[in-house]
Amino acid sequence: MNTLSLFRDAPELTLDKANWLPFRPGIEVMTLHGEPTKAGSSALLRYQPGARVPAHYHHGVEHILVLQGSQEDEQGCHEAGTLVINPAQSSHSVISRHGCTVLAIWHGDLEPLKT
């Protein structure tokens, strides 16, 4: 899947040509709403192979829809088409060994955890 329609009657967004910005080492972001990792926000995240998000705590629910590739956390490997719901007051870390693109929706802030 290289295109995504965000709204009915809206033109498709070509993911390969979207306005991606640096987010973390090996991860780019395209903000859809709000400020990524803050309550009430959403974004597309594109992971390069081997990219990681260190351990973090969820103050609210996080929804992750894996659009392309796969990512892993302490709960297992999540392939394209998987909806991952991380509950409030939970924590995890993420790696994408082969790269992926995900839709992330945050209902609460994320807080980095000291490792």
PDB file of N, CA and C in Angstrom:
ATOM      1  N   MET A   1       0.847  -1.174   0.000  1.00  0.00           N
ATOM      2  CA  MET A   1       0.000   0.000   0.000  1.00  0.00           C
ATOM      3  C   MET A   1       0.892   1.236   0.000  1.00  0.00           C
ATOM      4  N   ASN A   2       0.797   2.027  -1.058  1.00  0.00           N
ATOM      5  CA  ASN A   2       1.583   3.242  -1.135  1.00  0.00           C
ATOM      6  C   ASN A   2       0.737   4.498  -1.100  1.00  0.00           C
ATOM      7  N   THR A   3      -0.599   4.342  -1.028  1.00  0.00           N
ATOM      8  CA  THR A   3      -1.468   5.506  -0.942  1.00  0.00           C
ATOM      9  C   THR A   3      -2.430   5.324   0.220  1.00  0.00           C
ATOM     10  N   LEU A   4      -2.972   6.422   0.686  1.00  0.00           N
ATOM     11  CA  LEU A   4      -3.889   6.410   1.820  1.00  0.00           C
ATOM     12  C   LEU A   4      -4.890   7.524   1.623  1.00  0.00           C
ATOM     13  N   SER A   5      -6.184   7.217   1.672  1.00  0.00           N
ATOM     14  CA  SER A   5      -7.217   8.251   1.656  1.00  0.00           C
ATOM     15  C   SER A   5      -7.588   8.543   3.099  1.00  0.00           C
ATOM     16  N   LEU A   6      -7.399   9.772   3.522  1.00  0.00           N
ATOM     17  CA  LEU A   6      -7.651  10.141   4.908  1.00  0.00           C
ATOM     18  C   LEU A   6      -9.111  10.498   5.148  1.00  0.00           C
ATOM     19  N   PHE A   7      -9.789  11.072   4.163  1.00  0.00           N
ATOM     20  CA  PHE A   7     -11.160  11.510   4.323  1.00  0.00           C
ATOM     21  C   PHE A   7     -11.941  11.170   3.066  1.00  0.00           C
ATOM     22  N   ARG A   8     -13.226  10.956   3.224  1.00  0.00           N
ATOM     23  CA  ARG A   8     -14.077  10.713   2.069  1.00  0.00           C
ATOM     24  C   ARG A   8     -13.974  11.897   1.116  1.00  0.00           C
ATOM     25  N   ASP A   9     -13.885  11.630  -0.160  1.00  0.00           N
ATOM     26  CA  ASP A   9     -13.808  12.635  -1.223  1.00  0.00           C
ATOM     27  C   ASP A   9     -12.500  13.426  -1.218  1.00  0.00           C
ATOM     28  N   ALA A  10     -11.536  13.058  -0.368  1.00  0.00           N
ATOM     29  CA  ALA A  10     -10.234  13.726  -0.371  1.00  0.00           C
ATOM     30  C   ALA A  10      -9.302  12.971  -1.312  1.00  0.00           C
ATOM     31  N   PRO A  11      -8.368  13.668  -1.933  1.00  0.00           N
ATOM     32  CA  PRO A  11      -7.417  12.952  -2.795  1.00  0.00           C
ATOM     33  C   PRO A  11      -6.564  12.011  -1.954  1.00  0.00           C
ATOM     34  N   GLU A  12      -6.097  10.953  -2.599  1.00  0.00           N
ATOM     35  CA  GLU A  12      -5.228  10.018  -1.891  1.00  0.00           C
ATOM     36  C   GLU A  12      -3.901  10.685  -1.582  1.00  0.00           C
ATOM     37  N   LEU A  13      -3.330  10.316  -0.477  1.00  0.00           N
ATOM     38  CA  LEU A  13      -2.028  10.796  -0.044  1.00  0.00           C
ATOM     39  C   LEU A  13      -1.005   9.742  -0.438  1.00  0.00           C
ATOM     40  N   THR A  14      -0.016  10.112  -1.200  1.00  0.00           N
ATOM     41  CA  THR A  14       1.031   9.172  -1.581  1.00  0.00           C
ATOM     42  C   THR A  14       2.065   9.141  -0.470  1.00  0.00           C
ATOM     43  N   LEU A  15       2.142   8.015   0.221  1.00  0.00           N
ATOM     44  CA  LEU A  15       3.005   7.924   1.397  1.00  0.00           C
ATOM     45  C   LEU A  15       4.466   8.148   1.064  1.00  0.00           C
ATOM     46  N   ASP A  16       4.912   7.694  -0.101  1.00  0.00           N
ATOM     47  CA  ASP A  16       6.320   7.855  -0.461  1.00  0.00           C
ATOM     48  C   ASP A  16       6.688   9.314  -0.700  1.00  0.00           C
ATOM     49  N   LYS A  17       5.706  10.156  -1.019  1.00  0.00           N
ATOM     50  CA  LYS A  17       5.983  11.554  -1.341  1.00  0.00           C
ATOM     51  C   LYS A  17       5.425  12.511  -0.291  1.00  0.00           C
ATOM     52  N   ALA A  18       4.924  11.985   0.800  1.00  0.00           N
ATOM     53  CA  ALA A  18       4.337  12.828   1.846  1.00  0.00           C
ATOM     54  C   ALA A  18       5.415  13.685   2.503  1.00  0.00           C
ATOM     55  N   ASN A  19       4.984  14.678   3.245  1.00  0.00           N
ATOM     56  CA  ASN A  19       5.894  15.591   3.933  1.00  0.00           C
ATOM     57  C   ASN A  19       6.374  14.976   5.240  1.00  0.00           C
ATOM     58  N   TRP A  20       7.335  14.081   5.157  1.00  0.00           N
ATOM     59  CA  TRP A  20       7.890  13.411   6.336  1.00  0.00           C
ATOM     60  C   TRP A  20       8.947  14.294   6.980  1.00  0.00           C
ATOM     61  N   LEU A  21       8.961  14.329   8.323  1.00  0.00           N
ATOM     62  CA  LEU A  21       9.941  15.100   9.085  1.00  0.00           C
ATOM     63  C   LEU A  21      10.678  14.167  10.037  1.00  0.00           C
ATOM     64  N   PRO A  22      11.923  14.490  10.389  1.00  0.00           N
ATOM     65  CA  PRO A  22      12.641  13.669  11.372  1.00  0.00           C
ATOM     66  C   PRO A  22      11.893  13.655  12.705  1.00  0.00           C
ATOM     67  N   PHE A  23      11.858  12.483  13.342  1.00  0.00           N
ATOM     68  CA  PHE A  23      11.152  12.319  14.617  1.00  0.00           C
ATOM     69  C   PHE A  23      12.098  11.769  15.683  1.00  0.00           C
ATOM     70  N   ARG A  24      12.694  10.629  15.406  1.00  0.00           N
ATOM     71  CA  ARG A  24      13.696   9.974  16.250  1.00  0.00           C
ATOM     72  C   ARG A  24      14.711   9.375  15.286  1.00  0.00           C
ATOM     73  N   PRO A  25      15.866   8.965  15.755  1.00  0.00           N
ATOM     74  CA  PRO A  25      16.808   8.325  14.830  1.00  0.00           C
ATOM     75  C   PRO A  25      16.145   7.150  14.097  1.00  0.00           C
ATOM     76  N   GLY A  26      16.138   7.231  12.765  1.00  0.00           N
ATOM     77  CA  GLY A  26      15.577   6.167  11.948  1.00  0.00           C
ATOM     78  C   GLY A  26      14.065   6.199  11.811  1.00  0.00           C
ATOM     79  N   ILE A  27      13.408   7.220  12.371  1.00  0.00           N
ATOM     80  CA  ILE A  27      11.942   7.309  12.312  1.00  0.00           C
ATOM     81  C   ILE A  27      11.552   8.701  11.831  1.00  0.00           C
ATOM     82  N   GLU A  28      10.643   8.720  10.847  1.00  0.00           N
ATOM     83  CA  GLU A  28      10.099   9.979  10.349  1.00  0.00           C
ATOM     84  C   GLU A  28       8.628  10.069  10.738  1.00  0.00           C
ATOM     85  N   VAL A  29       8.119  11.286  10.815  1.00  0.00           N
ATOM     86  CA  VAL A  29       6.732  11.517  11.229  1.00  0.00           C
ATOM     87  C   VAL A  29       6.036  12.436  10.232  1.00  0.00           C
ATOM     88  N   MET A  30       4.766  12.177  10.024  1.00  0.00           N
ATOM     89  CA  MET A  30       3.893  13.104   9.329  1.00  0.00           C
ATOM     90  C   MET A  30       2.707  13.338  10.255  1.00  0.00           C
ATOM     91  N   THR A  31       2.651  14.505  10.864  1.00  0.00           N
ATOM     92  CA  THR A  31       1.599  14.834  11.818  1.00  0.00           C
ATOM     93  C   THR A  31       0.270  15.002  11.095  1.00  0.00           C
ATOM     94  N   LEU A  32      -0.755  14.359  11.636  1.00  0.00           N
ATOM     95  CA  LEU A  32      -2.102  14.506  11.096  1.00  0.00           C
ATOM     96  C   LEU A  32      -2.922  15.466  11.940  1.00  0.00           C
ATOM     97  N   HIS A  33      -2.689  15.443  13.275  1.00  0.00           N
ATOM     98  CA  HIS A  33      -3.458  16.285  14.185  1.00  0.00           C
ATOM     99  C   HIS A  33      -2.669  16.446  15.473  1.00  0.00           C
ATOM    100  N   GLY A  34      -2.634  17.652  16.021  1.00  0.00           N
ATOM    101  CA  GLY A  34      -1.993  17.888  17.313  1.00  0.00           C
ATOM    102  C   GLY A  34      -0.478  17.797  17.246  1.00  0.00           C
ATOM    103  N   GLU A  35       0.121  17.426  18.367  1.00  0.00           N
ATOM    104  CA  GLU A  35       1.568  17.296  18.498  1.00  0.00           C
ATOM    105  C   GLU A  35       1.893  15.848  18.840  1.00  0.00           C
ATOM    106  N   PRO A  36       2.640  15.149  17.981  1.00  0.00           N
ATOM    107  CA  PRO A  36       2.891  13.724  18.219  1.00  0.00           C
ATOM    108  C   PRO A  36       3.363  13.433  19.638  1.00  0.00           C
ATOM    109  N   THR A  37       2.842  12.352  20.176  1.00  0.00           N
ATOM    110  CA  THR A  37       3.061  11.814  21.531  1.00  0.00           C
ATOM    111  C   THR A  37       2.340  12.603  22.611  1.00  0.00           C
ATOM    112  N   LYS A  38       1.543  13.576  22.236  1.00  0.00           N
ATOM    113  CA  LYS A  38       0.757  14.340  23.204  1.00  0.00           C
ATOM    114  C   LYS A  38      -0.708  13.923  23.112  1.00  0.00           C
ATOM    115  N   ALA A  39      -1.438  14.112  24.190  1.00  0.00           N
ATOM    116  CA  ALA A  39      -2.857  13.751  24.231  1.00  0.00           C
ATOM    117  C   ALA A  39      -3.610  14.402  23.073  1.00  0.00           C
ATOM    118  N   GLY A  40      -4.497  13.630  22.453  1.00  0.00           N
ATOM    119  CA  GLY A  40      -5.343  14.148  21.389  1.00  0.00           C
ATOM    120  C   GLY A  40      -4.627  14.373  20.075  1.00  0.00           C
ATOM    121  N   SER A  41      -3.621  13.553  19.771  1.00  0.00           N
ATOM    122  CA  SER A  41      -2.890  13.735  18.523  1.00  0.00           C
ATOM    123  C   SER A  41      -2.844  12.443  17.717  1.00  0.00           C
ATOM    124  N   SER A  42      -2.502  12.604  16.443  1.00  0.00           N
ATOM    125  CA  SER A  42      -2.347  11.448  15.566  1.00  0.00           C
ATOM    126  C   SER A  42      -1.276  11.760  14.535  1.00  0.00           C
ATOM    127  N   ALA A  43      -0.625  10.698  14.059  1.00  0.00           N
ATOM    128  CA  ALA A  43       0.453  10.871  13.088  1.00  0.00           C
ATOM    129  C   ALA A  43       0.723   9.558  12.385  1.00  0.00           C
ATOM    130  N   LEU A  44       1.338   9.671  11.226  1.00  0.00           N
ATOM    131  CA  LEU A  44       1.927   8.519  10.568  1.00  0.00           C
ATOM    132  C   LEU A  44       3.390   8.485  10.962  1.00  0.00           C
ATOM    133  N   LEU A  45       3.897   7.321  11.291  1.00  0.00           N
ATOM    134  CA  LEU A  45       5.305   7.131  11.622  1.00  0.00           C
ATOM    135  C   LEU A  45       5.896   6.145  10.632  1.00  0.00           C
ATOM    136  N   ARG A  46       7.053   6.472  10.094  1.00  0.00           N
ATOM    137  CA  ARG A  46       7.743   5.592   9.151  1.00  0.00           C
ATOM    138  C   ARG A  46       9.094   5.209   9.755  1.00  0.00           C
ATOM    139  N   TYR A  47       9.241   3.917  10.066  1.00  0.00           N
ATOM    140  CA  TYR A  47      10.446   3.366  10.683  1.00  0.00           C
ATOM    141  C   TYR A  47      11.365   2.802   9.608  1.00  0.00           C
ATOM    142  N   GLN A  48      12.644   3.123   9.675  1.00  0.00           N
ATOM    143  CA  GLN A  48      13.650   2.462   8.862  1.00  0.00           C
ATOM    144  C   GLN A  48      13.981   1.121   9.515  1.00  0.00           C
ATOM    145  N   PRO A  49      14.511   0.167   8.776  1.00  0.00           N
ATOM    146  CA  PRO A  49      14.890  -1.108   9.397  1.00  0.00           C
ATOM    147  C   PRO A  49      15.804  -0.896  10.602  1.00  0.00           C
ATOM    148  N   GLY A  50      15.457  -1.543  11.707  1.00  0.00           N
ATOM    149  CA  GLY A  50      16.242  -1.457  12.938  1.00  0.00           C
ATOM    150  C   GLY A  50      15.911  -0.280  13.834  1.00  0.00           C
ATOM    151  N   ALA A  51      15.023   0.606  13.410  1.00  0.00           N
ATOM    152  CA  ALA A  51      14.686   1.785  14.220  1.00  0.00           C
ATOM    153  C   ALA A  51      13.939   1.364  15.487  1.00  0.00           C
ATOM    154  N   ARG A  52      14.173   2.121  16.557  1.00  0.00           N
ATOM    155  CA  ARG A  52      13.605   1.799  17.875  1.00  0.00           C
ATOM    156  C   ARG A  52      12.978   3.022  18.522  1.00  0.00           C
ATOM    157  N   VAL A  53      11.975   2.748  19.346  1.00  0.00           N
ATOM    158  CA  VAL A  53      11.446   3.741  20.278  1.00  0.00           C
ATOM    159  C   VAL A  53      11.718   3.174  21.664  1.00  0.00           C
ATOM    160  N   PRO A  54      12.504   3.890  22.490  1.00  0.00           N
ATOM    161  CA  PRO A  54      12.835   3.360  23.814  1.00  0.00           C
ATOM    162  C   PRO A  54      11.602   3.230  24.712  1.00  0.00           C
ATOM    163  N   ALA A  55      11.777   2.555  25.810  1.00  0.00           N
ATOM    164  CA  ALA A  55      10.687   2.319  26.761  1.00  0.00           C
ATOM    165  C   ALA A  55      10.008   3.640  27.129  1.00  0.00           C
ATOM    166  N   HIS A  56       8.672   3.601  27.135  1.00  0.00           N
ATOM    167  CA  HIS A  56       7.885   4.786  27.473  1.00  0.00           C
ATOM    168  C   HIS A  56       6.583   4.345  28.124  1.00  0.00           C
ATOM    169  N   TYR A  57       5.995   5.286  28.865  1.00  0.00           N
ATOM    170  CA  TYR A  57       4.778   5.065  29.648  1.00  0.00           C
ATOM    171  C   TYR A  57       3.631   5.803  28.977  1.00  0.00           C
ATOM    172  N   HIS A  58       2.462   5.149  28.912  1.00  0.00           N
ATOM    173  CA  HIS A  58       1.268   5.742  28.318  1.00  0.00           C
ATOM    174  C   HIS A  58       0.338   6.275  29.406  1.00  0.00           C
ATOM    175  N   HIS A  59       0.122   7.589  29.405  1.00  0.00           N
ATOM    176  CA  HIS A  59      -0.832   8.187  30.343  1.00  0.00           C
ATOM    177  C   HIS A  59      -2.268   7.990  29.868  1.00  0.00           C
ATOM    178  N   GLY A  60      -2.440   7.706  28.587  1.00  0.00           N
ATOM    179  CA  GLY A  60      -3.748   7.420  28.010  1.00  0.00           C
ATOM    180  C   GLY A  60      -3.609   6.301  26.997  1.00  0.00           C
ATOM    181  N   VAL A  61      -4.712   5.892  26.428  1.00  0.00           N
ATOM    182  CA  VAL A  61      -4.712   4.806  25.443  1.00  0.00           C
ATOM    183  C   VAL A  61      -3.966   5.242  24.187  1.00  0.00           C
ATOM    184  N   GLU A  62      -3.247   4.303  23.593  1.00  0.00           N
ATOM    185  CA  GLU A  62      -2.569   4.514  22.313  1.00  0.00           C
ATOM    186  C   GLU A  62      -3.087   3.458  21.335  1.00  0.00           C
ATOM    187  N   HIS A  63      -3.476   3.904  20.141  1.00  0.00           N
ATOM    188  CA  HIS A  63      -3.874   2.989  19.072  1.00  0.00           C
ATOM    189  C   HIS A  63      -2.790   3.043  17.999  1.00  0.00           C
ATOM    190  N   ILE A  64      -2.313   1.882  17.572  1.00  0.00           N
ATOM    191  CA  ILE A  64      -1.339   1.781  16.499  1.00  0.00           C
ATOM    192  C   ILE A  64      -1.906   0.847  15.444  1.00  0.00           C
ATOM    193  N   LEU A  65      -2.062   1.332  14.223  1.00  0.00           N
ATOM    194  CA  LEU A  65      -2.473   0.502  13.103  1.00  0.00           C
ATOM    195  C   LEU A  65      -1.254   0.343  12.204  1.00  0.00           C
ATOM    196  N   VAL A  66      -0.778  -0.885  12.063  1.00  0.00           N
ATOM    197  CA  VAL A  66       0.394  -1.159  11.227  1.00  0.00           C
ATOM    198  C   VAL A  66      -0.083  -1.204   9.776  1.00  0.00           C
ATOM    199  N   LEU A  67       0.397  -0.250   8.965  1.00  0.00           N
ATOM    200  CA  LEU A  67      -0.028  -0.130   7.576  1.00  0.00           C
ATOM    201  C   LEU A  67       0.867  -0.915   6.624  1.00  0.00           C
ATOM    202  N   GLN A  68       2.163  -0.892   6.883  1.00  0.00           N
ATOM    203  CA  GLN A  68       3.146  -1.590   6.054  1.00  0.00           C
ATOM    204  C   GLN A  68       4.204  -2.178   6.970  1.00  0.00           C
ATOM    205  N   GLY A  69       4.780  -3.316   6.608  1.00  0.00           N
ATOM    206  CA  GLY A  69       5.885  -3.901   7.363  1.00  0.00           C
ATOM    207  C   GLY A  69       5.408  -4.487   8.684  1.00  0.00           C
ATOM    208  N   SER A  70       6.284  -4.413   9.684  1.00  0.00           N
ATOM    209  CA  SER A  70       5.950  -4.939  11.011  1.00  0.00           C
ATOM    210  C   SER A  70       6.771  -4.228  12.072  1.00  0.00           C
ATOM    211  N   GLN A  71       6.243  -4.262  13.294  1.00  0.00           N
ATOM    212  CA  GLN A  71       6.973  -3.752  14.454  1.00  0.00           C
ATOM    213  C   GLN A  71       6.767  -4.716  15.607  1.00  0.00           C
ATOM    214  N   GLU A  72       7.685  -4.661  16.565  1.00  0.00           N
ATOM    215  CA  GLU A  72       7.640  -5.563  17.709  1.00  0.00           C
ATOM    216  C   GLU A  72       7.690  -4.773  19.001  1.00  0.00           C
ATOM    217  N   ASP A  73       7.038  -5.333  20.013  1.00  0.00           N
ATOM    218  CA  ASP A  73       7.179  -4.846  21.380  1.00  0.00           C
ATOM    219  C   ASP A  73       7.143  -6.054  22.301  1.00  0.00           C
ATOM    220  N   GLU A  74       6.994  -5.814  23.579  1.00  0.00           N
ATOM    221  CA  GLU A  74       7.006  -6.904  24.550  1.00  0.00           C
ATOM    222  C   GLU A  74       5.832  -7.877  24.376  1.00  0.00           C
ATOM    223  N   GLN A  75       4.813  -7.476  23.614  1.00  0.00           N
ATOM    224  CA  GLN A  75       3.653  -8.333  23.384  1.00  0.00           C
ATOM    225  C   GLN A  75       3.799  -9.203  22.140  1.00  0.00           C
ATOM    226  N   GLY A  76       4.832  -8.968  21.325  1.00  0.00           N
ATOM    227  CA  GLY A  76       5.050  -9.787  20.135  1.00  0.00           C
ATOM    228  C   GLY A  76       5.280  -8.958  18.894  1.00  0.00           C
ATOM    229  N   CYS A  77       5.202  -9.643  17.740  1.00  0.00           N
ATOM    230  CA  CYS A  77       5.413  -9.010  16.439  1.00  0.00           C
ATOM    231  C   CYS A  77       4.052  -8.662  15.838  1.00  0.00           C
ATOM    232  N   HIS A  78       3.912  -7.434  15.365  1.00  0.00           N
ATOM    233  CA  HIS A  78       2.653  -6.929  14.831  1.00  0.00           C
ATOM    234  C   HIS A  78       2.845  -6.628  13.345  1.00  0.00           C
ATOM    235  N   GLU A  79       2.213  -7.430  12.500  1.00  0.00           N
ATOM    236  CA  GLU A  79       2.335  -7.337  11.043  1.00  0.00           C
ATOM    237  C   GLU A  79       1.350  -6.317  10.479  1.00  0.00           C
ATOM    238  N   ALA A  80       1.543  -5.953   9.205  1.00  0.00           N
ATOM    239  CA  ALA A  80       0.636  -5.045   8.507  1.00  0.00           C
ATOM    240  C   ALA A  80      -0.800  -5.531   8.658  1.00  0.00           C
ATOM    241  N   GLY A  81      -1.692  -4.597   8.958  1.00  0.00           N
ATOM    242  CA  GLY A  81      -3.101  -4.913   9.160  1.00  0.00           C
ATOM    243  C   GLY A  81      -3.478  -5.108  10.610  1.00  0.00           C
ATOM    244  N   THR A  82      -2.493  -5.133  11.508  1.00  0.00           N
ATOM    245  CA  THR A  82      -2.750  -5.341  12.933  1.00  0.00           C
ATOM    246  C   THR A  82      -3.055  -4.014  13.616  1.00  0.00           C
ATOM    247  N   LEU A  83      -4.085  -4.010  14.451  1.00  0.00           N
ATOM    248  CA  LEU A  83      -4.397  -2.875  15.312  1.00  0.00           C
ATOM    249  C   LEU A  83      -3.899  -3.217  16.707  1.00  0.00           C
ATOM    250  N   VAL A  84      -2.961  -2.430  17.216  1.00  0.00           N
ATOM    251  CA  VAL A  84      -2.402  -2.614  18.553  1.00  0.00           C
ATOM    252  C   VAL A  84      -3.000  -1.543  19.448  1.00  0.00           C
ATOM    253  N   ILE A  85      -3.573  -1.947  20.578  1.00  0.00           N
ATOM    254  CA  ILE A  85      -4.122  -0.994  21.533  1.00  0.00           C
ATOM    255  C   ILE A  85      -3.333  -1.129  22.826  1.00  0.00           C
ATOM    256  N   ASN A  86      -2.600  -0.077  23.161  1.00  0.00           N
ATOM    257  CA  ASN A  86      -1.840  -0.036  24.411  1.00  0.00           C
ATOM    258  C   ASN A  86      -2.661   0.743  25.430  1.00  0.00           C
ATOM    259  N   PRO A  87      -3.076   0.089  26.525  1.00  0.00           N
ATOM    260  CA  PRO A  87      -3.954   0.753  27.487  1.00  0.00           C
ATOM    261  C   PRO A  87      -3.253   1.857  28.270  1.00  0.00           C
ATOM    262  N   ALA A  88      -4.050   2.737  28.833  1.00  0.00           N
ATOM    263  CA  ALA A  88      -3.522   3.754  29.743  1.00  0.00           C
ATOM    264  C   ALA A  88      -2.795   3.060  30.888  1.00  0.00           C
ATOM    265  N   GLN A  89      -1.790   3.706  31.407  1.00  0.00           N
ATOM    266  CA  GLN A  89      -0.953   3.213  32.493  1.00  0.00           C
ATOM    267  C   GLN A  89      -0.178   1.956  32.103  1.00  0.00           C
ATOM    268  N   SER A  90       0.159   1.836  30.814  1.00  0.00           N
ATOM    269  CA  SER A  90       0.999   0.727  30.361  1.00  0.00           C
ATOM    270  C   SER A  90       2.311   1.287  29.832  1.00  0.00           C
ATOM    271  N   SER A  91       3.279   0.411  29.635  1.00  0.00           N
ATOM    272  CA  SER A  91       4.564   0.830  29.083  1.00  0.00           C
ATOM    273  C   SER A  91       5.084  -0.263  28.156  1.00  0.00           C
ATOM    274  N   HIS A  92       5.930   0.155  27.228  1.00  0.00           N
ATOM    275  CA  HIS A  92       6.575  -0.784  26.312  1.00  0.00           C
ATOM    276  C   HIS A  92       7.674  -0.055  25.552  1.00  0.00           C
ATOM    277  N   SER A  93       8.444  -0.803  24.778  1.00  0.00           N
ATOM    278  CA  SER A  93       9.401  -0.257  23.828  1.00  0.00           C
ATOM    279  C   SER A  93       9.082  -0.887  22.481  1.00  0.00           C
ATOM    280  N   VAL A  94       9.556  -0.280  21.399  1.00  0.00           N
ATOM    281  CA  VAL A  94       9.196  -0.731  20.055  1.00  0.00           C
ATOM    282  C   VAL A  94      10.452  -0.817  19.198  1.00  0.00           C
ATOM    283  N   ILE A  95      10.496  -1.839  18.339  1.00  0.00           N
ATOM    284  CA  ILE A  95      11.531  -1.945  17.310  1.00  0.00           C
ATOM    285  C   ILE A  95      10.861  -2.410  16.025  1.00  0.00           C
ATOM    286  N   SER A  96      11.364  -1.927  14.908  1.00  0.00           N
ATOM    287  CA  SER A  96      10.940  -2.432  13.609  1.00  0.00           C
ATOM    288  C   SER A  96      12.184  -2.989  12.931  1.00  0.00           C
ATOM    289  N   ARG A  97      12.333  -4.289  12.954  1.00  0.00           N
ATOM    290  CA  ARG A  97      13.541  -4.931  12.423  1.00  0.00           C
ATOM    291  C   ARG A  97      13.678  -4.749  10.906  1.00  0.00           C
ATOM    292  N   HIS A  98      12.556  -4.694  10.182  1.00  0.00           N
ATOM    293  CA  HIS A  98      12.600  -4.612   8.721  1.00  0.00           C
ATOM    294  C   HIS A  98      11.970  -3.325   8.187  1.00  0.00           C
ATOM    295  N   GLY A  99      11.536  -2.436   9.079  1.00  0.00           N
ATOM    296  CA  GLY A  99      10.896  -1.191   8.680  1.00  0.00           C
ATOM    297  C   GLY A  99       9.385  -1.328   8.659  1.00  0.00           C
ATOM    298  N   CYS A 100       8.692  -0.211   8.860  1.00  0.00           N
ATOM    299  CA  CYS A 100       7.227  -0.218   8.836  1.00  0.00           C
ATOM    300  C   CYS A 100       6.704   1.207   8.747  1.00  0.00           C
ATOM    301  N   THR A 101       5.421   1.292   8.415  1.00  0.00           N
ATOM    302  CA  THR A 101       4.676   2.544   8.479  1.00  0.00           C
ATOM    303  C   THR A 101       3.447   2.276   9.323  1.00  0.00           C
ATOM    304  N   VAL A 102       3.196   3.145  10.309  1.00  0.00           N
ATOM    305  CA  VAL A 102       2.060   2.952  11.208  1.00  0.00           C
ATOM    306  C   VAL A 102       1.279   4.251  11.344  1.00  0.00           C
ATOM    307  N   LEU A 103      -0.001   4.105  11.649  1.00  0.00           N
ATOM    308  CA  LEU A 103      -0.847   5.209  12.078  1.00  0.00           C
ATOM    309  C   LEU A 103      -0.900   5.139  13.592  1.00  0.00           C
ATOM    310  N   ALA A 104      -0.527   6.221  14.261  1.00  0.00           N
ATOM    311  CA  ALA A 104      -0.544   6.276  15.725  1.00  0.00           C
ATOM    312  C   ALA A 104      -1.546   7.322  16.180  1.00  0.00           C
ATOM    313  N   ILE A 105      -2.389   6.941  17.155  1.00  0.00           N
ATOM    314  CA  ILE A 105      -3.354   7.861  17.756  1.00  0.00           C
ATOM    315  C   ILE A 105      -3.135   7.827  19.253  1.00  0.00           C
ATOM    316  N   TRP A 106      -2.836   8.995  19.826  1.00  0.00           N
ATOM    317  CA  TRP A 106      -2.535   9.094  21.255  1.00  0.00           C
ATOM    318  C   TRP A 106      -3.667   9.800  21.978  1.00  0.00           C
ATOM    319  N   HIS A 107      -4.202   9.149  23.011  1.00  0.00           N
ATOM    320  CA  HIS A 107      -5.263   9.732  23.827  1.00  0.00           C
ATOM    321  C   HIS A 107      -4.721  10.285  25.138  1.00  0.00           C
ATOM    322  N   GLY A 108      -3.435  10.138  25.346  1.00  0.00           N
ATOM    323  CA  GLY A 108      -2.755  10.673  26.524  1.00  0.00           C
ATOM    324  C   GLY A 108      -1.298  10.882  26.178  1.00  0.00           C
ATOM    325  N   ASP A 109      -0.608  11.671  26.970  1.00  0.00           N
ATOM    326  CA  ASP A 109       0.816  11.925  26.730  1.00  0.00           C
ATOM    327  C   ASP A 109       1.636  10.654  26.924  1.00  0.00           C
ATOM    328  N   LEU A 110       2.803  10.624  26.262  1.00  0.00           N
ATOM    329  CA  LEU A 110       3.794   9.571  26.497  1.00  0.00           C
ATOM    330  C   LEU A 110       4.909  10.143  27.351  1.00  0.00           C
ATOM    331  N   GLU A 111       5.449   9.323  28.211  1.00  0.00           N
ATOM    332  CA  GLU A 111       6.534   9.738  29.096  1.00  0.00           C
ATOM    333  C   GLU A 111       7.695   8.771  28.939  1.00  0.00           C
ATOM    334  N   PRO A 112       8.881   9.258  28.533  1.00  0.00           N
ATOM    335  CA  PRO A 112      10.037   8.368  28.430  1.00  0.00           C
ATOM    336  C   PRO A 112      10.344   7.734  29.785  1.00  0.00           C
ATOM    337  N   LEU A 113      10.774   6.472  29.769  1.00  0.00           N
ATOM    338  CA  LEU A 113      11.171   5.787  30.998  1.00  0.00           C
ATOM    339  C   LEU A 113      12.686   5.680  31.031  1.00  0.00           C
ATOM    340  N   LYS A 114      13.241   5.857  32.205  1.00  0.00           N
ATOM    341  CA  LYS A 114      14.684   5.678  32.384  1.00  0.00           C
ATOM    342  C   LYS A 114      14.990   4.190  32.404  1.00  0.00           C
ATOM    343  N   THR A 115      15.992   3.790  31.632  1.00  0.00           N
ATOM    344  CA  THR A 115      16.342   2.370  31.588  1.00  0.00           C
ATOM    345  C   THR A 115      17.629   2.090  32.313  1.00  0.00           C
TER     346      THR A 115
END
